[in-house]
N, C-alpha and C. Protein backbone atom coordinates (compact mmCIF):
# COMPACT_ATOMS: atom_id res chain seq x y z
N GLY A 1 82.73 77.80 88.42
CA GLY A 1 81.42 77.24 88.20
C GLY A 1 80.82 76.63 89.44
N GLU A 2 81.65 76.25 90.40
CA GLU A 2 81.12 75.59 91.59
C GLU A 2 80.52 76.56 92.60
N PHE A 3 80.74 77.86 92.39
CA PHE A 3 80.21 78.86 93.31
C PHE A 3 79.11 79.65 92.60
N THR A 4 77.91 79.59 93.14
CA THR A 4 76.78 80.24 92.49
C THR A 4 76.09 81.29 93.37
N ASP A 5 76.53 81.40 94.63
CA ASP A 5 75.91 82.38 95.52
C ASP A 5 76.29 83.80 95.09
N ALA A 6 75.36 84.71 95.26
CA ALA A 6 75.62 86.11 94.93
C ALA A 6 76.59 86.71 95.94
N TRP A 7 77.35 87.69 95.50
CA TRP A 7 78.20 88.43 96.41
C TRP A 7 77.32 89.47 97.10
N GLU A 8 77.71 89.85 98.30
CA GLU A 8 76.92 90.82 99.05
C GLU A 8 77.72 92.08 99.34
N GLN A 9 76.99 93.18 99.45
CA GLN A 9 77.64 94.45 99.76
C GLN A 9 77.87 94.55 101.26
N ARG A 10 79.07 94.93 101.60
CA ARG A 10 79.45 95.15 102.99
C ARG A 10 80.30 96.42 103.04
N LYS A 11 80.78 96.72 104.23
CA LYS A 11 81.71 97.83 104.43
C LYS A 11 83.05 97.24 104.85
N VAL A 12 84.13 97.98 104.62
CA VAL A 12 85.46 97.50 105.00
C VAL A 12 85.47 97.09 106.48
N GLU A 13 84.80 97.85 107.33
CA GLU A 13 84.79 97.54 108.76
C GLU A 13 84.19 96.17 109.07
N ASP A 14 83.38 95.62 108.16
CA ASP A 14 82.78 94.31 108.37
C ASP A 14 83.80 93.18 108.21
N LEU A 15 84.93 93.48 107.60
CA LEU A 15 85.95 92.45 107.36
C LEU A 15 86.68 92.02 108.63
N GLY A 16 86.73 92.89 109.63
CA GLY A 16 87.44 92.59 110.87
C GLY A 16 87.80 93.87 111.59
N ASN A 17 88.86 93.81 112.39
CA ASN A 17 89.30 94.98 113.13
C ASN A 17 90.08 95.92 112.22
N ILE A 18 89.73 97.21 112.27
CA ILE A 18 90.48 98.24 111.55
C ILE A 18 91.35 98.93 112.61
N ILE A 19 92.64 98.88 112.39
CA ILE A 19 93.57 99.40 113.40
C ILE A 19 94.48 100.44 112.75
N THR A 20 94.49 101.63 113.31
CA THR A 20 95.41 102.67 112.87
C THR A 20 96.63 102.59 113.77
N GLY A 21 97.80 102.64 113.17
CA GLY A 21 99.03 102.50 113.93
C GLY A 21 99.33 103.68 114.82
N SER A 22 100.39 103.53 115.57
CA SER A 22 100.86 104.60 116.46
C SER A 22 102.38 104.49 116.55
N THR A 23 103.02 105.60 116.84
CA THR A 23 104.47 105.64 116.92
C THR A 23 104.91 105.74 118.37
N PRO A 24 105.73 104.79 118.83
CA PRO A 24 106.28 104.90 120.19
C PRO A 24 107.13 106.17 120.29
N SER A 25 107.24 106.70 121.45
CA SER A 25 107.98 107.94 121.67
C SER A 25 109.38 107.85 121.07
N THR A 26 109.68 108.80 120.19
CA THR A 26 111.01 108.82 119.56
C THR A 26 112.05 109.44 120.49
N SER A 27 111.59 110.10 121.53
CA SER A 27 112.54 110.69 122.49
C SER A 27 113.10 109.62 123.44
N ASP A 28 112.49 108.45 123.45
CA ASP A 28 112.98 107.33 124.27
C ASP A 28 113.71 106.35 123.35
N ALA A 29 115.02 106.46 123.30
CA ALA A 29 115.84 105.64 122.40
C ALA A 29 115.71 104.15 122.68
N THR A 30 115.27 103.78 123.87
CA THR A 30 115.15 102.36 124.21
C THR A 30 113.97 101.70 123.50
N ASN A 31 113.15 102.47 122.80
CA ASN A 31 112.05 101.91 122.01
C ASN A 31 112.54 101.40 120.64
N TYR A 32 113.71 101.85 120.21
CA TYR A 32 114.18 101.60 118.85
C TYR A 32 115.49 100.81 118.82
N GLY A 33 115.71 100.15 117.67
CA GLY A 33 116.96 99.44 117.47
C GLY A 33 116.89 97.95 117.75
N GLY A 34 115.70 97.43 117.90
CA GLY A 34 115.54 96.00 118.16
C GLY A 34 115.32 95.21 116.88
N SER A 35 114.51 94.16 116.98
CA SER A 35 114.29 93.29 115.82
C SER A 35 112.81 93.19 115.40
N TYR A 36 111.95 93.98 116.03
CA TYR A 36 110.52 93.93 115.72
C TYR A 36 110.17 94.89 114.59
N LEU A 37 109.32 94.44 113.66
CA LEU A 37 108.94 95.26 112.51
C LEU A 37 108.06 96.43 112.91
N PHE A 38 108.45 97.62 112.44
CA PHE A 38 107.66 98.83 112.61
C PHE A 38 107.46 99.40 111.21
N VAL A 39 106.26 99.19 110.65
CA VAL A 39 106.00 99.49 109.25
C VAL A 39 105.55 100.94 109.07
N SER A 40 106.21 101.61 108.13
CA SER A 40 105.80 102.95 107.70
C SER A 40 105.52 102.87 106.20
N PRO A 41 104.91 103.89 105.61
CA PRO A 41 104.64 103.84 104.17
C PRO A 41 105.88 103.56 103.32
N ALA A 42 107.04 104.03 103.74
CA ALA A 42 108.27 103.80 102.98
C ALA A 42 108.64 102.31 102.89
N ASP A 43 108.13 101.51 103.80
CA ASP A 43 108.42 100.07 103.81
C ASP A 43 107.51 99.29 102.87
N ILE A 44 106.45 99.92 102.39
CA ILE A 44 105.51 99.25 101.50
C ILE A 44 105.89 99.59 100.07
N GLN A 45 106.51 98.62 99.41
CA GLN A 45 106.97 98.79 98.04
C GLN A 45 106.05 98.01 97.11
N ASP A 46 106.61 97.42 96.08
CA ASP A 46 105.79 96.68 95.12
C ASP A 46 105.59 95.23 95.51
N ASN A 47 106.25 94.79 96.55
CA ASN A 47 106.09 93.41 97.01
C ASN A 47 104.83 93.25 97.83
N ARG A 48 104.25 92.07 97.80
CA ARG A 48 103.04 91.80 98.56
C ARG A 48 103.31 91.86 100.06
N TYR A 49 104.43 91.27 100.48
CA TYR A 49 104.71 91.15 101.92
C TYR A 49 105.78 92.14 102.37
N VAL A 50 105.58 92.68 103.56
CA VAL A 50 106.60 93.49 104.20
C VAL A 50 107.42 92.53 105.06
N LYS A 51 108.65 92.30 104.63
CA LYS A 51 109.51 91.35 105.34
C LYS A 51 110.58 92.05 106.15
N ASN A 52 110.81 93.33 105.84
CA ASN A 52 111.83 94.09 106.53
C ASN A 52 111.35 95.54 106.61
N THR A 53 111.82 96.25 107.61
CA THR A 53 111.43 97.66 107.76
C THR A 53 112.68 98.51 108.00
N ILE A 54 112.58 99.76 107.62
CA ILE A 54 113.68 100.70 107.82
C ILE A 54 113.94 100.88 109.31
N THR A 55 112.85 101.01 110.07
CA THR A 55 112.95 101.19 111.52
C THR A 55 112.50 99.92 112.21
N LYS A 56 113.26 99.52 113.21
CA LYS A 56 112.92 98.33 114.01
C LYS A 56 112.71 98.78 115.45
N LEU A 57 111.85 98.06 116.14
CA LEU A 57 111.55 98.37 117.53
C LEU A 57 112.15 97.32 118.46
N THR A 58 112.43 97.75 119.68
CA THR A 58 112.80 96.81 120.73
C THR A 58 111.51 96.17 121.25
N GLU A 59 111.63 95.21 122.10
CA GLU A 59 110.43 94.59 122.67
C GLU A 59 109.61 95.63 123.43
N LYS A 60 110.29 96.52 124.12
CA LYS A 60 109.61 97.59 124.86
C LYS A 60 108.80 98.48 123.92
N GLY A 61 109.44 98.94 122.83
CA GLY A 61 108.76 99.80 121.86
C GLY A 61 107.63 99.08 121.16
N PHE A 62 107.85 97.79 120.86
CA PHE A 62 106.84 96.97 120.19
C PHE A 62 105.58 96.86 121.04
N LYS A 63 105.76 96.63 122.32
CA LYS A 63 104.61 96.48 123.23
C LYS A 63 103.83 97.78 123.40
N LYS A 64 104.45 98.92 123.10
CA LYS A 64 103.75 100.20 123.20
C LYS A 64 102.88 100.47 121.97
N GLY A 65 103.15 99.74 120.88
CA GLY A 65 102.39 99.92 119.65
C GLY A 65 101.13 99.07 119.64
N ARG A 66 100.35 99.21 118.58
CA ARG A 66 99.17 98.37 118.37
C ARG A 66 99.61 97.18 117.54
N ILE A 67 99.77 96.05 118.19
CA ILE A 67 100.35 94.87 117.56
C ILE A 67 99.32 94.20 116.65
N LEU A 68 99.74 94.00 115.40
CA LEU A 68 98.88 93.38 114.38
C LEU A 68 99.22 91.91 114.24
N LYS A 69 98.19 91.12 113.97
CA LYS A 69 98.38 89.68 113.76
C LYS A 69 98.96 89.43 112.37
N GLU A 70 99.68 88.31 112.24
CA GLU A 70 100.18 87.93 110.92
C GLU A 70 99.00 87.73 109.99
N GLY A 71 99.20 88.07 108.72
CA GLY A 71 98.12 87.97 107.73
C GLY A 71 97.32 89.25 107.59
N SER A 72 97.56 90.22 108.46
CA SER A 72 96.84 91.49 108.37
C SER A 72 97.21 92.22 107.08
N THR A 73 96.26 92.98 106.55
CA THR A 73 96.48 93.79 105.35
C THR A 73 96.74 95.23 105.78
N LEU A 74 97.76 95.85 105.19
CA LEU A 74 98.14 97.22 105.51
C LEU A 74 97.76 98.12 104.35
N PHE A 75 97.18 99.28 104.66
CA PHE A 75 96.73 100.23 103.64
C PHE A 75 97.25 101.62 104.00
N VAL A 76 98.11 102.19 103.15
CA VAL A 76 98.63 103.53 103.40
C VAL A 76 97.49 104.52 103.21
N SER A 77 97.26 105.38 104.22
CA SER A 77 96.09 106.24 104.24
C SER A 77 96.39 107.74 104.18
N ILE A 78 97.63 108.09 103.92
CA ILE A 78 97.99 109.51 103.89
C ILE A 78 99.17 109.74 102.96
N GLY A 79 99.20 110.91 102.38
CA GLY A 79 100.35 111.34 101.60
C GLY A 79 100.36 110.87 100.16
N SER A 80 101.52 111.03 99.54
CA SER A 80 101.64 110.72 98.11
C SER A 80 101.56 109.23 97.82
N THR A 81 101.76 108.39 98.81
CA THR A 81 101.70 106.94 98.60
C THR A 81 100.36 106.34 99.04
N ILE A 82 99.37 107.19 99.24
CA ILE A 82 98.05 106.71 99.66
C ILE A 82 97.56 105.62 98.70
N GLY A 83 97.05 104.55 99.25
CA GLY A 83 96.53 103.47 98.44
C GLY A 83 97.50 102.31 98.26
N LYS A 84 98.73 102.44 98.75
CA LYS A 84 99.65 101.30 98.68
C LYS A 84 99.15 100.24 99.66
N VAL A 85 99.25 98.99 99.25
CA VAL A 85 98.72 97.88 100.03
C VAL A 85 99.80 96.82 100.20
N ALA A 86 99.85 96.22 101.38
CA ALA A 86 100.78 95.13 101.65
C ALA A 86 100.17 94.22 102.71
N GLN A 87 100.88 93.16 102.98
CA GLN A 87 100.43 92.18 103.97
C GLN A 87 101.63 91.82 104.84
N ILE A 88 101.37 91.41 106.07
CA ILE A 88 102.47 90.99 106.95
C ILE A 88 102.38 89.49 107.21
N GLU A 89 103.55 88.87 107.34
CA GLU A 89 103.63 87.44 107.59
C GLU A 89 103.97 87.13 109.05
N GLU A 90 104.24 88.19 109.81
CA GLU A 90 104.55 88.03 111.23
C GLU A 90 103.96 89.23 111.97
N PRO A 91 103.76 89.11 113.27
CA PRO A 91 103.23 90.26 114.01
C PRO A 91 104.10 91.49 113.79
N ALA A 92 103.45 92.65 113.69
CA ALA A 92 104.14 93.91 113.45
C ALA A 92 103.31 95.05 114.00
N THR A 93 103.91 96.22 114.06
CA THR A 93 103.17 97.44 114.38
C THR A 93 103.40 98.41 113.22
N THR A 94 102.55 99.44 113.15
CA THR A 94 102.69 100.43 112.08
C THR A 94 102.63 101.83 112.67
N ASN A 95 103.01 102.80 111.86
CA ASN A 95 102.82 104.18 112.30
C ASN A 95 101.39 104.62 111.97
N GLN A 96 101.05 105.83 112.32
CA GLN A 96 99.68 106.31 112.20
C GLN A 96 99.25 106.62 110.76
N GLN A 97 100.15 106.46 109.81
CA GLN A 97 99.81 106.70 108.41
C GLN A 97 99.24 105.46 107.73
N ILE A 98 99.08 104.40 108.49
CA ILE A 98 98.61 103.13 107.94
C ILE A 98 97.38 102.65 108.70
N ASN A 99 96.34 102.27 107.94
CA ASN A 99 95.19 101.56 108.50
C ASN A 99 95.40 100.09 108.17
N ALA A 100 95.24 99.24 109.16
CA ALA A 100 95.40 97.81 108.96
C ALA A 100 94.06 97.12 109.15
N ILE A 101 93.89 96.02 108.44
CA ILE A 101 92.70 95.19 108.60
C ILE A 101 93.16 93.84 109.11
N GLU A 102 92.69 93.49 110.30
CA GLU A 102 92.89 92.15 110.85
C GLU A 102 91.60 91.39 110.56
N PRO A 103 91.59 90.53 109.53
CA PRO A 103 90.35 89.86 109.15
C PRO A 103 89.80 88.97 110.27
N SER A 104 88.48 88.99 110.41
CA SER A 104 87.84 88.08 111.35
C SER A 104 87.88 86.68 110.74
N GLU A 105 87.50 85.68 111.52
CA GLU A 105 87.55 84.29 111.05
C GLU A 105 86.59 84.03 109.88
N LYS A 106 85.65 84.95 109.62
CA LYS A 106 84.71 84.78 108.50
C LYS A 106 85.31 85.16 107.16
N TYR A 107 86.51 85.78 107.18
CA TYR A 107 87.10 86.28 105.96
C TYR A 107 88.52 85.78 105.78
N ASN A 108 88.83 85.34 104.58
CA ASN A 108 90.15 84.83 104.24
C ASN A 108 91.12 85.99 104.09
N GLU A 109 92.28 85.91 104.75
CA GLU A 109 93.25 87.02 104.75
C GLU A 109 93.80 87.32 103.36
N ASP A 110 93.99 86.28 102.53
CA ASP A 110 94.50 86.51 101.18
C ASP A 110 93.43 87.18 100.30
N PHE A 111 92.17 86.82 100.52
CA PHE A 111 91.08 87.47 99.80
C PHE A 111 90.99 88.95 100.20
N VAL A 112 91.11 89.23 101.50
CA VAL A 112 91.04 90.61 101.99
C VAL A 112 92.16 91.45 101.36
N TYR A 113 93.37 90.90 101.31
CA TYR A 113 94.47 91.61 100.67
C TYR A 113 94.14 91.92 99.20
N SER A 114 93.69 90.91 98.47
CA SER A 114 93.37 91.09 97.05
C SER A 114 92.25 92.10 96.85
N LEU A 115 91.26 92.06 97.72
CA LEU A 115 90.15 93.00 97.64
C LEU A 115 90.63 94.43 97.86
N MET A 116 91.48 94.65 98.85
CA MET A 116 91.96 96.00 99.13
C MET A 116 92.89 96.49 98.01
N LYS A 117 93.65 95.60 97.43
CA LYS A 117 94.49 95.96 96.29
C LYS A 117 93.60 96.44 95.14
N TYR A 118 92.49 95.73 94.93
CA TYR A 118 91.53 96.08 93.87
C TYR A 118 90.85 97.43 94.15
N LYS A 119 90.52 97.69 95.42
CA LYS A 119 89.78 98.90 95.79
C LYS A 119 90.68 100.12 96.02
N ALA A 120 92.00 99.95 95.96
CA ALA A 120 92.93 101.02 96.33
C ALA A 120 92.72 102.31 95.54
N LYS A 121 92.56 102.22 94.23
CA LYS A 121 92.39 103.43 93.42
C LYS A 121 91.11 104.16 93.80
N GLU A 122 90.04 103.40 94.01
CA GLU A 122 88.76 104.00 94.39
C GLU A 122 88.87 104.70 95.75
N ILE A 123 89.56 104.09 96.68
CA ILE A 123 89.72 104.68 98.02
C ILE A 123 90.60 105.92 97.94
N ARG A 124 91.63 105.88 97.09
CA ARG A 124 92.53 107.03 96.94
C ARG A 124 91.74 108.26 96.50
N VAL A 125 90.74 108.07 95.66
CA VAL A 125 89.92 109.19 95.17
C VAL A 125 89.14 109.84 96.31
N LEU A 126 88.81 109.05 97.34
CA LEU A 126 88.06 109.58 98.47
C LEU A 126 88.89 110.51 99.35
N ALA A 127 90.21 110.44 99.21
CA ALA A 127 91.09 111.26 100.05
C ALA A 127 90.79 112.74 99.81
N ALA A 128 90.82 113.48 100.87
CA ALA A 128 90.56 114.91 100.78
C ALA A 128 91.56 115.57 99.84
N THR A 129 91.10 116.54 99.09
CA THR A 129 91.98 117.25 98.16
C THR A 129 92.60 118.44 98.86
N GLN A 130 93.39 118.16 99.85
CA GLN A 130 94.10 119.20 100.57
C GLN A 130 95.59 119.03 100.29
N ALA A 131 96.41 119.80 100.94
CA ALA A 131 97.85 119.76 100.68
C ALA A 131 98.40 118.33 100.84
N VAL A 132 97.95 117.63 101.86
CA VAL A 132 98.36 116.24 102.07
C VAL A 132 97.10 115.38 102.01
N PRO A 133 96.94 114.57 100.96
CA PRO A 133 95.75 113.72 100.87
C PRO A 133 95.69 112.73 102.04
N ILE A 134 94.50 112.53 102.56
CA ILE A 134 94.34 111.62 103.70
C ILE A 134 92.96 110.99 103.65
N ILE A 135 92.89 109.74 104.04
CA ILE A 135 91.60 109.10 104.27
C ILE A 135 91.61 108.63 105.71
N ASN A 136 90.72 109.19 106.51
CA ASN A 136 90.74 108.85 107.93
C ASN A 136 90.13 107.46 108.17
N LYS A 137 90.30 106.98 109.37
CA LYS A 137 89.85 105.63 109.72
C LYS A 137 88.34 105.47 109.51
N LYS A 138 87.57 106.49 109.86
CA LYS A 138 86.11 106.41 109.73
C LYS A 138 85.71 106.27 108.25
N SER A 139 86.26 107.12 107.40
CA SER A 139 85.95 107.05 105.96
C SER A 139 86.43 105.73 105.36
N PHE A 140 87.62 105.30 105.75
CA PHE A 140 88.18 104.03 105.28
C PHE A 140 87.26 102.87 105.67
N SER A 141 86.80 102.88 106.90
CA SER A 141 85.95 101.80 107.43
C SER A 141 84.61 101.71 106.72
N GLU A 142 84.14 102.84 106.19
CA GLU A 142 82.80 102.88 105.59
C GLU A 142 82.79 102.67 104.08
N VAL A 143 83.94 102.36 103.49
CA VAL A 143 83.99 102.10 102.04
C VAL A 143 83.18 100.84 101.74
N ASP A 144 82.34 100.93 100.71
CA ASP A 144 81.53 99.78 100.29
C ASP A 144 82.38 98.79 99.51
N ILE A 145 82.14 97.51 99.78
CA ILE A 145 82.82 96.43 99.08
C ILE A 145 81.81 95.33 98.76
N MET A 146 82.12 94.55 97.75
CA MET A 146 81.31 93.38 97.41
C MET A 146 82.14 92.14 97.73
N ILE A 147 81.54 91.20 98.47
CA ILE A 147 82.28 90.01 98.87
C ILE A 147 81.41 88.76 98.82
N PRO A 148 82.04 87.62 98.55
CA PRO A 148 81.31 86.35 98.68
C PRO A 148 81.33 85.97 100.17
N LEU A 149 80.21 85.51 100.68
CA LEU A 149 80.18 85.12 102.09
C LEU A 149 80.72 83.71 102.31
N ASP A 150 80.79 82.92 101.24
CA ASP A 150 81.31 81.56 101.32
C ASP A 150 82.83 81.62 101.48
N ILE A 151 83.33 81.16 102.62
CA ILE A 151 84.76 81.22 102.91
C ILE A 151 85.57 80.41 101.90
N GLN A 152 85.01 79.32 101.40
CA GLN A 152 85.74 78.52 100.41
C GLN A 152 85.94 79.29 99.10
N GLU A 153 84.94 80.07 98.72
CA GLU A 153 85.08 80.90 97.53
C GLU A 153 86.15 81.97 97.76
N GLN A 154 86.15 82.57 98.95
CA GLN A 154 87.18 83.56 99.28
C GLN A 154 88.57 82.92 99.23
N GLU A 155 88.69 81.71 99.78
CA GLU A 155 89.98 81.02 99.80
C GLU A 155 90.48 80.73 98.38
N LYS A 156 89.58 80.32 97.50
CA LYS A 156 89.97 80.04 96.12
C LYS A 156 90.42 81.32 95.41
N ILE A 157 89.68 82.38 95.58
CA ILE A 157 90.03 83.66 94.95
C ILE A 157 91.34 84.18 95.53
N GLY A 158 91.42 84.21 96.86
CA GLY A 158 92.65 84.68 97.51
C GLY A 158 93.85 83.85 97.14
N GLY A 159 93.69 82.53 97.10
CA GLY A 159 94.78 81.64 96.74
C GLY A 159 95.23 81.83 95.30
N TYR A 160 94.26 82.06 94.41
CA TYR A 160 94.57 82.29 93.00
C TYR A 160 95.45 83.54 92.83
N PHE A 161 95.03 84.63 93.45
CA PHE A 161 95.80 85.87 93.33
C PHE A 161 97.14 85.77 94.05
N LYS A 162 97.19 85.02 95.14
CA LYS A 162 98.46 84.83 95.86
C LYS A 162 99.44 84.07 94.97
N SER A 163 98.96 83.06 94.25
CA SER A 163 99.86 82.30 93.37
C SER A 163 100.35 83.18 92.23
N ILE A 164 99.52 84.08 91.73
CA ILE A 164 99.95 85.02 90.69
C ILE A 164 101.01 85.96 91.25
N ASP A 165 100.79 86.47 92.48
CA ASP A 165 101.79 87.35 93.11
C ASP A 165 103.12 86.62 93.27
N ASN A 166 103.07 85.35 93.68
CA ASN A 166 104.30 84.56 93.83
C ASN A 166 105.01 84.40 92.49
N LEU A 167 104.24 84.16 91.44
CA LEU A 167 104.81 84.00 90.10
C LEU A 167 105.46 85.31 89.63
N ILE A 168 104.80 86.41 89.88
CA ILE A 168 105.36 87.72 89.52
C ILE A 168 106.68 87.95 90.26
N THR A 169 106.71 87.63 91.55
CA THR A 169 107.92 87.80 92.35
C THR A 169 109.05 86.94 91.80
N LEU A 170 108.75 85.69 91.46
CA LEU A 170 109.74 84.79 90.91
C LEU A 170 110.32 85.35 89.61
N HIS A 171 109.46 85.80 88.72
CA HIS A 171 109.93 86.35 87.45
C HIS A 171 110.66 87.67 87.63
N GLN A 172 110.26 88.45 88.63
CA GLN A 172 110.95 89.71 88.91
C GLN A 172 112.39 89.43 89.35
N ARG A 173 112.56 88.40 90.17
CA ARG A 173 113.92 88.02 90.61
C ARG A 173 114.76 87.59 89.41
N LYS A 174 114.16 86.79 88.52
CA LYS A 174 114.88 86.35 87.31
C LYS A 174 115.25 87.56 86.45
N LEU A 175 114.32 88.49 86.30
CA LEU A 175 114.57 89.69 85.52
C LEU A 175 115.70 90.50 86.14
N ASP A 176 115.68 90.66 87.46
CA ASP A 176 116.74 91.39 88.15
C ASP A 176 118.10 90.74 87.93
N LYS A 177 118.16 89.41 87.97
CA LYS A 177 119.42 88.69 87.74
C LYS A 177 119.90 88.91 86.32
N MET A 178 118.98 88.88 85.36
CA MET A 178 119.35 89.10 83.95
C MET A 178 119.85 90.53 83.74
N LYS A 179 119.24 91.49 84.41
CA LYS A 179 119.70 92.89 84.30
C LYS A 179 121.11 93.02 84.86
N ASN A 180 121.38 92.33 85.97
CA ASN A 180 122.73 92.36 86.54
C ASN A 180 123.74 91.72 85.60
N LEU A 181 123.37 90.62 84.97
CA LEU A 181 124.26 89.97 84.01
C LEU A 181 124.55 90.88 82.82
N LYS A 182 123.51 91.56 82.36
CA LYS A 182 123.65 92.47 81.22
C LYS A 182 124.63 93.58 81.55
């Protein structure tokens, strides 16, 4: 009730920097085997945050990638997992199958995550109907979105959905423990 301003139509690109990942040379083994997160679609599961990755980079490999700030939202843009969404809590890099949004200071990172989670099905439909579905960076950047411009409203919405995600995670852990006991 405290927020009465209308939401405005924007494009995904208005939220901040849209960054498509890149893969350090796999022929140079010194790029791999370190402790830096290198996110691929396989690392984005049902959890909100990517805390671990199958492949890790060394500092050398990490510096060759496009380093994302903590709080960035990751969106899988190709293949059968197109539309999967996650967020990072620490700097990371991704492969080229992921478009990331680094929100500008005008947008709350938790709100951006929730918004992209909401828009995922709609964006998935935009993917070309070819052998491997894909949504390129340009098409992804031009998707229409509705957002409140008031940062406090974004923070309340983002915080609300974040608390729900935390509650789901907590109950999922309890459920997993009960299944193990059973």
